[in-house]
Amino acid sequence: MVVPATLLLYALAGTAGGLLALRSGLPAAPLAGALLAAGLVSASGRLEPAQWPAGTRTALEIAIGTVIGTSISATALVELRQLWRPALLITGTLVLAGLAVALVCSRLLGIDPVIALLGSAPGGISGMSLAGAEFGVGAAVALLHALRLITVLIVTPLLLRLMLPIAQPPP
C-alpha cells in the first residue's frame, strides 16, 4: 500500500521537473519534464511504485480532454475547411508508418507487438500511455513516447531554424 506521503513525493518530483523544463522554452516541456522527473524517482527504487487512488486516471483524462477541447475555436473550425485533406493524408501516412515501424520492431527487435504498435502509434504521450495501461504495458509505451517526444522537441526547433530564412523570424 502506497502512503499519501509517497504520492506527494512523486507529485513534487513531477512538479519540479515540469517547472524546470518549462524554463527550456520547448513545446510541451512541462509534460516531458514532469514525466522524466517522476520516472527517474520511480526508477530509482527509493520509493514504492505509485498506486494512485481509483478515479485519478479518469479525472486526469477528463482534465486533459478539457484543456485540449477548449483550444478548438470557431476560427479553427473554419481552418478545417482547408486542412481536412492534409489532416487525412498526414494521419493516414503516420498510421501506416507506425504500423510498419511496429512490425519491424516486433519481428526484428523482438519487442512485444502491443508495445511496438502503441509505442510507434502517432498519438500523444498521455493518450497512448493510457491506452497502453489498458493492456498492461503503459510504462513501456510511455517510455517510448517520452523518448520520441523529447527527441522531436529538441530536433524540430533546430530544423526549423535551419530551414527558415535568416531574415524571417520564427512564428
N, C-alpha and C. Protein backbone atom coordinates (compact mmCIF):
# COMPACT_ATOMS: atom_id res chain seq x y z
N MET A 1 0.85 -1.19 0.00
CA MET A 1 0.00 0.00 0.00
C MET A 1 0.89 1.25 0.00
N VAL A 2 0.67 2.10 -0.95
CA VAL A 2 1.45 3.34 -1.06
C VAL A 2 0.79 4.40 -0.18
N VAL A 3 1.58 5.00 0.67
CA VAL A 3 1.05 6.01 1.58
C VAL A 3 0.93 7.35 0.85
N PRO A 4 0.03 8.22 1.29
CA PRO A 4 -0.13 9.52 0.65
C PRO A 4 1.16 10.33 0.57
N ALA A 5 2.04 10.19 1.55
CA ALA A 5 3.30 10.93 1.52
C ALA A 5 4.14 10.52 0.31
N THR A 6 4.10 9.25 -0.06
CA THR A 6 4.85 8.78 -1.23
C THR A 6 4.27 9.40 -2.49
N LEU A 7 2.96 9.43 -2.60
CA LEU A 7 2.32 10.05 -3.76
C LEU A 7 2.64 11.54 -3.82
N LEU A 8 2.71 12.17 -2.66
CA LEU A 8 3.07 13.58 -2.60
C LEU A 8 4.49 13.79 -3.11
N LEU A 9 5.41 12.89 -2.75
CA LEU A 9 6.79 13.00 -3.23
C LEU A 9 6.85 12.84 -4.75
N TYR A 10 6.08 11.92 -5.29
CA TYR A 10 6.01 11.77 -6.75
C TYR A 10 5.46 13.05 -7.39
N ALA A 11 4.40 13.58 -6.80
CA ALA A 11 3.79 14.81 -7.34
C ALA A 11 4.76 15.98 -7.27
N LEU A 12 5.51 16.07 -6.18
CA LEU A 12 6.51 17.14 -6.05
C LEU A 12 7.63 16.97 -7.08
N ALA A 13 8.07 15.74 -7.28
CA ALA A 13 9.12 15.49 -8.28
C ALA A 13 8.62 15.88 -9.67
N GLY A 14 7.40 15.46 -9.99
CA GLY A 14 6.82 15.81 -11.29
C GLY A 14 6.65 17.31 -11.47
N THR A 15 6.20 17.97 -10.42
CA THR A 15 6.02 19.43 -10.48
C THR A 15 7.36 20.13 -10.66
N ALA A 16 8.36 19.71 -9.90
CA ALA A 16 9.69 20.31 -10.03
C ALA A 16 10.26 20.09 -11.42
N GLY A 17 10.13 18.86 -11.93
CA GLY A 17 10.62 18.56 -13.27
C GLY A 17 9.89 19.36 -14.33
N GLY A 18 8.58 19.48 -14.18
CA GLY A 18 7.79 20.25 -15.14
C GLY A 18 8.14 21.72 -15.13
N LEU A 19 8.31 22.29 -13.95
CA LEU A 19 8.67 23.70 -13.84
C LEU A 19 10.09 23.96 -14.35
N LEU A 20 10.98 23.04 -14.06
CA LEU A 20 12.36 23.19 -14.55
C LEU A 20 12.39 23.11 -16.08
N ALA A 21 11.67 22.17 -16.63
CA ALA A 21 11.62 22.01 -18.09
C ALA A 21 10.94 23.21 -18.75
N LEU A 22 10.01 23.83 -18.06
CA LEU A 22 9.31 24.99 -18.59
C LEU A 22 10.30 26.10 -18.95
N ARG A 23 11.38 26.17 -18.23
CA ARG A 23 12.38 27.20 -18.49
C ARG A 23 13.13 26.96 -19.80
N SER A 24 13.03 25.74 -20.36
CA SER A 24 13.73 25.43 -21.61
C SER A 24 13.10 26.11 -22.81
N GLY A 25 11.81 26.45 -22.70
CA GLY A 25 11.12 27.09 -23.82
C GLY A 25 10.66 26.11 -24.89
N LEU A 26 10.89 24.83 -24.70
CA LEU A 26 10.44 23.84 -25.68
C LEU A 26 8.94 23.61 -25.56
N PRO A 27 8.27 23.30 -26.66
CA PRO A 27 6.84 22.99 -26.57
C PRO A 27 6.62 21.74 -25.72
N ALA A 28 5.56 21.72 -24.96
CA ALA A 28 5.19 20.58 -24.10
C ALA A 28 6.29 20.23 -23.10
N ALA A 29 7.17 21.16 -22.82
CA ALA A 29 8.27 20.91 -21.89
C ALA A 29 7.78 20.53 -20.50
N PRO A 30 6.73 21.17 -19.96
CA PRO A 30 6.29 20.77 -18.62
C PRO A 30 5.86 19.30 -18.55
N LEU A 31 5.19 18.82 -19.59
CA LEU A 31 4.77 17.42 -19.63
C LEU A 31 5.99 16.51 -19.65
N ALA A 32 6.93 16.80 -20.55
CA ALA A 32 8.13 15.97 -20.66
C ALA A 32 8.97 16.04 -19.39
N GLY A 33 9.10 17.22 -18.81
CA GLY A 33 9.89 17.38 -17.59
C GLY A 33 9.28 16.64 -16.41
N ALA A 34 7.97 16.75 -16.27
CA ALA A 34 7.28 16.05 -15.18
C ALA A 34 7.41 14.54 -15.36
N LEU A 35 7.25 14.09 -16.59
CA LEU A 35 7.36 12.66 -16.87
C LEU A 35 8.76 12.15 -16.54
N LEU A 36 9.76 12.88 -16.98
CA LEU A 36 11.14 12.46 -16.72
C LEU A 36 11.45 12.46 -15.23
N ALA A 37 11.06 13.52 -14.54
CA ALA A 37 11.38 13.62 -13.11
C ALA A 37 10.68 12.53 -12.31
N ALA A 38 9.38 12.36 -12.53
CA ALA A 38 8.65 11.32 -11.79
C ALA A 38 9.16 9.94 -12.19
N GLY A 39 9.48 9.77 -13.47
CA GLY A 39 10.01 8.49 -13.92
C GLY A 39 11.35 8.16 -13.31
N LEU A 40 12.22 9.16 -13.19
CA LEU A 40 13.52 8.93 -12.57
C LEU A 40 13.38 8.58 -11.09
N VAL A 41 12.47 9.26 -10.41
CA VAL A 41 12.24 8.95 -9.00
C VAL A 41 11.70 7.52 -8.87
N SER A 42 10.77 7.17 -9.73
CA SER A 42 10.20 5.83 -9.69
C SER A 42 11.25 4.77 -10.02
N ALA A 43 12.05 5.02 -11.06
CA ALA A 43 13.07 4.05 -11.48
C ALA A 43 14.21 3.92 -10.47
N SER A 44 14.39 4.93 -9.63
CA SER A 44 15.47 4.87 -8.65
C SER A 44 15.25 3.76 -7.63
N GLY A 45 14.00 3.36 -7.45
CA GLY A 45 13.69 2.31 -6.48
C GLY A 45 13.66 2.78 -5.05
N ARG A 46 13.82 4.07 -4.84
CA ARG A 46 13.84 4.59 -3.46
C ARG A 46 12.43 4.74 -2.88
N LEU A 47 11.45 4.80 -3.77
CA LEU A 47 10.06 4.88 -3.33
C LEU A 47 9.30 3.68 -3.88
N GLU A 48 8.24 3.33 -3.18
CA GLU A 48 7.36 2.28 -3.68
C GLU A 48 6.75 2.75 -5.01
N PRO A 49 6.45 1.82 -5.92
CA PRO A 49 5.75 2.23 -7.15
C PRO A 49 4.42 2.90 -6.78
N ALA A 50 4.08 3.93 -7.50
CA ALA A 50 2.87 4.69 -7.19
C ALA A 50 1.62 3.89 -7.52
N GLN A 51 0.68 3.90 -6.62
CA GLN A 51 -0.64 3.33 -6.83
C GLN A 51 -1.63 4.45 -6.54
N TRP A 52 -2.01 5.17 -7.59
CA TRP A 52 -2.87 6.33 -7.40
C TRP A 52 -4.28 5.88 -7.06
N PRO A 53 -5.00 6.69 -6.29
CA PRO A 53 -6.37 6.33 -5.91
C PRO A 53 -7.26 6.11 -7.12
N ALA A 54 -8.24 5.24 -6.94
CA ALA A 54 -9.20 4.96 -8.02
C ALA A 54 -9.83 6.26 -8.50
N GLY A 55 -9.95 6.40 -9.78
CA GLY A 55 -10.55 7.59 -10.37
C GLY A 55 -9.55 8.66 -10.75
N THR A 56 -8.30 8.54 -10.28
CA THR A 56 -7.29 9.55 -10.59
C THR A 56 -7.05 9.63 -12.09
N ARG A 57 -6.87 8.47 -12.73
CA ARG A 57 -6.61 8.44 -14.17
C ARG A 57 -7.80 9.03 -14.94
N THR A 58 -9.00 8.67 -14.54
CA THR A 58 -10.19 9.20 -15.21
C THR A 58 -10.26 10.71 -15.07
N ALA A 59 -9.99 11.22 -13.87
CA ALA A 59 -10.02 12.67 -13.65
C ALA A 59 -8.98 13.36 -14.52
N LEU A 60 -7.79 12.77 -14.62
CA LEU A 60 -6.74 13.37 -15.45
C LEU A 60 -7.09 13.32 -16.93
N GLU A 61 -7.70 12.21 -17.38
CA GLU A 61 -8.13 12.12 -18.78
C GLU A 61 -9.17 13.20 -19.08
N ILE A 62 -10.09 13.40 -18.17
CA ILE A 62 -11.11 14.45 -18.35
C ILE A 62 -10.44 15.82 -18.41
N ALA A 63 -9.49 16.06 -17.51
CA ALA A 63 -8.79 17.36 -17.49
C ALA A 63 -8.02 17.58 -18.78
N ILE A 64 -7.29 16.57 -19.24
CA ILE A 64 -6.52 16.71 -20.49
C ILE A 64 -7.46 16.95 -21.66
N GLY A 65 -8.55 16.18 -21.73
CA GLY A 65 -9.53 16.36 -22.80
C GLY A 65 -10.15 17.75 -22.77
N THR A 66 -10.40 18.26 -21.58
CA THR A 66 -10.97 19.60 -21.44
C THR A 66 -9.99 20.66 -21.91
N VAL A 67 -8.73 20.54 -21.50
CA VAL A 67 -7.72 21.52 -21.91
C VAL A 67 -7.57 21.52 -23.43
N ILE A 68 -7.49 20.34 -24.03
CA ILE A 68 -7.35 20.26 -25.49
C ILE A 68 -8.63 20.77 -26.16
N GLY A 69 -9.77 20.37 -25.64
CA GLY A 69 -11.05 20.78 -26.24
C GLY A 69 -11.27 22.28 -26.23
N THR A 70 -10.81 22.95 -25.19
CA THR A 70 -11.01 24.39 -25.12
C THR A 70 -10.14 25.16 -26.11
N SER A 71 -9.17 24.48 -26.71
CA SER A 71 -8.34 25.15 -27.72
C SER A 71 -9.02 25.15 -29.10
N ILE A 72 -10.11 24.41 -29.24
CA ILE A 72 -10.83 24.38 -30.51
C ILE A 72 -11.75 25.60 -30.56
N SER A 73 -11.51 26.45 -31.53
CA SER A 73 -12.28 27.68 -31.65
C SER A 73 -13.05 27.69 -32.96
N ALA A 74 -13.88 28.68 -33.12
CA ALA A 74 -14.61 28.85 -34.38
C ALA A 74 -13.63 29.06 -35.53
N THR A 75 -12.56 29.79 -35.27
CA THR A 75 -11.53 30.02 -36.29
C THR A 75 -10.89 28.70 -36.70
N ALA A 76 -10.63 27.83 -35.73
CA ALA A 76 -10.04 26.53 -36.03
C ALA A 76 -10.97 25.70 -36.90
N LEU A 77 -12.26 25.78 -36.63
CA LEU A 77 -13.22 25.03 -37.44
C LEU A 77 -13.28 25.57 -38.87
N VAL A 78 -13.14 26.88 -39.04
CA VAL A 78 -13.09 27.47 -40.38
C VAL A 78 -11.83 26.97 -41.10
N GLU A 79 -10.71 26.93 -40.40
CA GLU A 79 -9.47 26.45 -40.99
C GLU A 79 -9.57 24.98 -41.40
N LEU A 80 -10.44 24.24 -40.73
CA LEU A 80 -10.61 22.83 -41.04
C LEU A 80 -11.08 22.62 -42.48
N ARG A 81 -11.78 23.60 -43.03
CA ARG A 81 -12.21 23.50 -44.44
C ARG A 81 -11.02 23.33 -45.37
N GLN A 82 -9.91 23.98 -45.04
CA GLN A 82 -8.70 23.87 -45.85
C GLN A 82 -7.79 22.74 -45.38
N LEU A 83 -7.90 22.36 -44.14
CA LEU A 83 -6.94 21.42 -43.56
C LEU A 83 -7.40 19.97 -43.53
N TRP A 84 -8.65 19.67 -43.89
CA TRP A 84 -9.11 18.31 -43.73
C TRP A 84 -8.37 17.35 -44.66
N ARG A 85 -8.02 17.78 -45.86
CA ARG A 85 -7.28 16.89 -46.77
C ARG A 85 -5.87 16.61 -46.24
N PRO A 86 -5.11 17.66 -45.90
CA PRO A 86 -3.79 17.37 -45.32
C PRO A 86 -3.90 16.56 -44.03
N ALA A 87 -4.93 16.81 -43.23
CA ALA A 87 -5.10 16.06 -41.98
C ALA A 87 -5.29 14.57 -42.27
N LEU A 88 -6.10 14.26 -43.26
CA LEU A 88 -6.31 12.85 -43.62
C LEU A 88 -5.02 12.23 -44.17
N LEU A 89 -4.32 12.96 -45.02
CA LEU A 89 -3.08 12.45 -45.60
C LEU A 89 -2.02 12.24 -44.52
N ILE A 90 -1.85 13.22 -43.65
CA ILE A 90 -0.86 13.11 -42.58
C ILE A 90 -1.22 11.96 -41.64
N THR A 91 -2.48 11.89 -41.24
CA THR A 91 -2.91 10.84 -40.32
C THR A 91 -2.73 9.45 -40.94
N GLY A 92 -3.19 9.30 -42.16
CA GLY A 92 -3.04 8.00 -42.84
C GLY A 92 -1.59 7.59 -42.99
N THR A 93 -0.76 8.54 -43.39
CA THR A 93 0.66 8.25 -43.57
C THR A 93 1.32 7.87 -42.24
N LEU A 94 1.01 8.62 -41.19
CA LEU A 94 1.60 8.33 -39.88
C LEU A 94 1.13 6.98 -39.32
N VAL A 95 -0.14 6.65 -39.53
CA VAL A 95 -0.65 5.36 -39.07
C VAL A 95 0.05 4.23 -39.81
N LEU A 96 0.18 4.35 -41.13
CA LEU A 96 0.87 3.31 -41.90
C LEU A 96 2.34 3.22 -41.52
N ALA A 97 2.99 4.36 -41.33
CA ALA A 97 4.40 4.35 -40.90
C ALA A 97 4.53 3.72 -39.52
N GLY A 98 3.61 4.04 -38.62
CA GLY A 98 3.62 3.44 -37.29
C GLY A 98 3.45 1.93 -37.35
N LEU A 99 2.55 1.47 -38.21
CA LEU A 99 2.36 0.02 -38.38
C LEU A 99 3.63 -0.64 -38.90
N ALA A 100 4.26 0.00 -39.88
CA ALA A 100 5.50 -0.54 -40.45
C ALA A 100 6.60 -0.60 -39.40
N VAL A 101 6.75 0.49 -38.64
CA VAL A 101 7.78 0.53 -37.59
C VAL A 101 7.47 -0.52 -36.52
N ALA A 102 6.20 -0.66 -36.15
CA ALA A 102 5.82 -1.66 -35.14
C ALA A 102 6.16 -3.06 -35.63
N LEU A 103 5.88 -3.34 -36.88
CA LEU A 103 6.18 -4.66 -37.44
C LEU A 103 7.68 -4.94 -37.39
N VAL A 104 8.48 -3.96 -37.80
CA VAL A 104 9.94 -4.11 -37.78
C VAL A 104 10.44 -4.31 -36.35
N CYS A 105 9.96 -3.48 -35.44
CA CYS A 105 10.40 -3.58 -34.04
C CYS A 105 9.99 -4.91 -33.42
N SER A 106 8.80 -5.36 -33.75
CA SER A 106 8.31 -6.60 -33.18
C SER A 106 9.06 -7.80 -33.75
N ARG A 107 9.17 -7.85 -35.07
CA ARG A 107 9.79 -9.01 -35.71
C ARG A 107 11.31 -9.03 -35.59
N LEU A 108 11.95 -7.91 -35.90
CA LEU A 108 13.41 -7.89 -35.94
C LEU A 108 14.07 -7.64 -34.59
N LEU A 109 13.39 -6.86 -33.73
CA LEU A 109 14.00 -6.50 -32.46
C LEU A 109 13.40 -7.27 -31.28
N GLY A 110 12.37 -8.08 -31.56
CA GLY A 110 11.79 -8.91 -30.52
C GLY A 110 10.95 -8.18 -29.49
N ILE A 111 10.45 -7.00 -29.84
CA ILE A 111 9.63 -6.22 -28.91
C ILE A 111 8.20 -6.75 -28.95
N ASP A 112 7.56 -6.80 -27.80
CA ASP A 112 6.16 -7.22 -27.71
C ASP A 112 5.34 -6.45 -28.74
N PRO A 113 4.52 -7.14 -29.55
CA PRO A 113 3.76 -6.45 -30.60
C PRO A 113 2.84 -5.33 -30.09
N VAL A 114 2.26 -5.50 -28.91
CA VAL A 114 1.38 -4.46 -28.36
C VAL A 114 2.19 -3.22 -28.01
N ILE A 115 3.34 -3.42 -27.38
CA ILE A 115 4.21 -2.29 -27.05
C ILE A 115 4.69 -1.62 -28.33
N ALA A 116 5.10 -2.42 -29.30
CA ALA A 116 5.60 -1.87 -30.57
C ALA A 116 4.52 -1.06 -31.28
N LEU A 117 3.29 -1.58 -31.32
CA LEU A 117 2.22 -0.87 -32.01
C LEU A 117 1.83 0.41 -31.30
N LEU A 118 1.61 0.33 -29.99
CA LEU A 118 1.23 1.53 -29.25
C LEU A 118 2.39 2.51 -29.11
N GLY A 119 3.61 2.00 -29.04
CA GLY A 119 4.77 2.86 -28.92
C GLY A 119 5.12 3.59 -30.20
N SER A 120 4.72 3.04 -31.33
CA SER A 120 5.01 3.68 -32.62
C SER A 120 3.78 4.39 -33.21
N ALA A 121 2.67 4.32 -32.51
CA ALA A 121 1.45 4.97 -32.99
C ALA A 121 1.60 6.49 -32.92
N PRO A 122 1.00 7.19 -33.88
CA PRO A 122 1.14 8.65 -33.92
C PRO A 122 0.20 9.35 -32.95
N GLY A 123 0.32 9.04 -31.69
CA GLY A 123 -0.52 9.68 -30.69
C GLY A 123 0.33 10.42 -29.69
N GLY A 124 -0.32 11.15 -28.84
CA GLY A 124 0.40 11.87 -27.80
C GLY A 124 0.78 10.94 -26.67
N ILE A 125 1.72 11.38 -25.89
CA ILE A 125 2.25 10.55 -24.82
C ILE A 125 1.18 10.17 -23.80
N SER A 126 0.33 11.12 -23.44
CA SER A 126 -0.68 10.82 -22.42
C SER A 126 -1.72 9.83 -22.96
N GLY A 127 -2.22 10.08 -24.14
CA GLY A 127 -3.25 9.20 -24.70
C GLY A 127 -2.73 7.80 -24.96
N MET A 128 -1.55 7.68 -25.54
CA MET A 128 -1.01 6.37 -25.86
C MET A 128 -0.59 5.62 -24.60
N SER A 129 -0.10 6.34 -23.60
CA SER A 129 0.26 5.69 -22.34
C SER A 129 -0.98 5.16 -21.63
N LEU A 130 -2.05 5.93 -21.69
CA LEU A 130 -3.30 5.47 -21.09
C LEU A 130 -3.85 4.27 -21.84
N ALA A 131 -3.75 4.29 -23.17
CA ALA A 131 -4.17 3.13 -23.96
C ALA A 131 -3.30 1.93 -23.61
N GLY A 132 -1.99 2.15 -23.46
CA GLY A 132 -1.10 1.07 -23.08
C GLY A 132 -1.43 0.50 -21.71
N ALA A 133 -1.83 1.37 -20.79
CA ALA A 133 -2.19 0.91 -19.45
C ALA A 133 -3.37 -0.06 -19.50
N GLU A 134 -4.27 0.15 -20.46
CA GLU A 134 -5.41 -0.76 -20.62
C GLU A 134 -4.95 -2.17 -20.96
N PHE A 135 -3.77 -2.28 -21.60
CA PHE A 135 -3.22 -3.58 -22.00
C PHE A 135 -2.09 -4.03 -21.06
N GLY A 136 -1.85 -3.26 -19.99
CA GLY A 136 -0.81 -3.63 -19.04
C GLY A 136 0.60 -3.29 -19.47
N VAL A 137 0.74 -2.41 -20.46
CA VAL A 137 2.07 -2.04 -20.97
C VAL A 137 2.26 -0.52 -20.97
N GLY A 138 1.55 0.18 -20.11
CA GLY A 138 1.57 1.64 -20.09
C GLY A 138 2.94 2.24 -19.86
N ALA A 139 3.74 1.64 -18.96
CA ALA A 139 5.06 2.21 -18.65
C ALA A 139 5.98 2.11 -19.86
N ALA A 140 5.98 0.97 -20.55
CA ALA A 140 6.85 0.81 -21.72
C ALA A 140 6.43 1.75 -22.84
N VAL A 141 5.13 1.89 -23.05
CA VAL A 141 4.62 2.79 -24.09
C VAL A 141 4.96 4.24 -23.73
N ALA A 142 4.80 4.59 -22.46
CA ALA A 142 5.14 5.95 -22.02
C ALA A 142 6.61 6.24 -22.25
N LEU A 143 7.46 5.27 -21.97
CA LEU A 143 8.90 5.47 -22.16
C LEU A 143 9.23 5.69 -23.64
N LEU A 144 8.66 4.87 -24.51
CA LEU A 144 8.91 5.05 -25.95
C LEU A 144 8.44 6.42 -26.43
N HIS A 145 7.24 6.82 -26.00
CA HIS A 145 6.72 8.11 -26.42
C HIS A 145 7.48 9.27 -25.79
N ALA A 146 7.94 9.09 -24.56
CA ALA A 146 8.73 10.14 -23.91
C ALA A 146 10.03 10.36 -24.67
N LEU A 147 10.69 9.29 -25.03
CA LEU A 147 11.94 9.42 -25.80
C LEU A 147 11.68 10.07 -27.16
N ARG A 148 10.58 9.66 -27.80
CA ARG A 148 10.22 10.26 -29.09
C ARG A 148 9.91 11.73 -28.92
N LEU A 149 9.11 12.06 -27.92
CA LEU A 149 8.70 13.44 -27.71
C LEU A 149 9.90 14.34 -27.41
N ILE A 150 10.75 13.89 -26.53
CA ILE A 150 11.92 14.70 -26.17
C ILE A 150 12.82 14.91 -27.38
N THR A 151 13.02 13.85 -28.15
CA THR A 151 13.85 13.96 -29.36
C THR A 151 13.23 14.94 -30.35
N VAL A 152 11.93 14.81 -30.58
CA VAL A 152 11.25 15.71 -31.52
C VAL A 152 11.29 17.15 -31.02
N LEU A 153 11.09 17.35 -29.71
CA LEU A 153 11.10 18.71 -29.16
C LEU A 153 12.47 19.36 -29.26
N ILE A 154 13.50 18.57 -29.26
CA ILE A 154 14.85 19.13 -29.38
C ILE A 154 15.23 19.32 -30.85
N VAL A 155 14.94 18.34 -31.68
CA VAL A 155 15.38 18.36 -33.08
C VAL A 155 14.55 19.31 -33.95
N THR A 156 13.23 19.31 -33.77
CA THR A 156 12.36 20.11 -34.65
C THR A 156 12.66 21.60 -34.61
N PRO A 157 12.79 22.23 -33.44
CA PRO A 157 13.15 23.66 -33.45
C PRO A 157 14.48 23.93 -34.15
N LEU A 158 15.44 23.03 -33.98
CA LEU A 158 16.72 23.19 -34.66
C LEU A 158 16.55 23.12 -36.17
N LEU A 159 15.76 22.16 -36.63
CA LEU A 159 15.49 22.04 -38.07
C LEU A 159 14.76 23.26 -38.61
N LEU A 160 13.81 23.77 -37.84
CA LEU A 160 13.08 24.96 -38.28
C LEU A 160 14.02 26.15 -38.43
N ARG A 161 14.94 26.30 -37.49
CA ARG A 161 15.90 27.41 -37.59
C ARG A 161 16.79 27.27 -38.81
N LEU A 162 17.14 26.04 -39.14
CA LEU A 162 17.98 25.80 -40.32
C LEU A 162 17.20 26.01 -41.62
N MET A 163 15.91 25.67 -41.59
CA MET A 163 15.11 25.74 -42.81
C MET A 163 14.56 27.14 -43.09
N LEU A 164 14.26 27.91 -42.04
CA LEU A 164 13.69 29.24 -42.23
C LEU A 164 14.80 30.20 -42.67
N PRO A 165 14.45 31.08 -43.58
CA PRO A 165 15.44 32.09 -43.95
C PRO A 165 15.86 32.91 -42.73
N ILE A 166 17.11 33.33 -42.71
CA ILE A 166 17.65 34.07 -41.57
C ILE A 166 16.87 35.34 -41.30
N ALA A 167 16.41 36.00 -42.37
CA ALA A 167 15.69 37.28 -42.22
C ALA A 167 14.30 37.08 -41.62
N GLN A 168 13.73 35.89 -41.76
CA GLN A 168 12.36 35.66 -41.30
C GLN A 168 12.41 35.07 -39.88
N PRO A 169 11.89 35.80 -38.90
CA PRO A 169 11.87 35.26 -37.54
C PRO A 169 10.85 34.13 -37.44
N PRO A 170 11.10 33.13 -36.57
CA PRO A 170 10.13 32.06 -36.42
C PRO A 170 8.81 32.60 -35.86
N PRO A 171 7.69 31.98 -36.22
CA PRO A 171 6.38 32.47 -35.74
C PRO A 171 6.22 32.32 -34.26
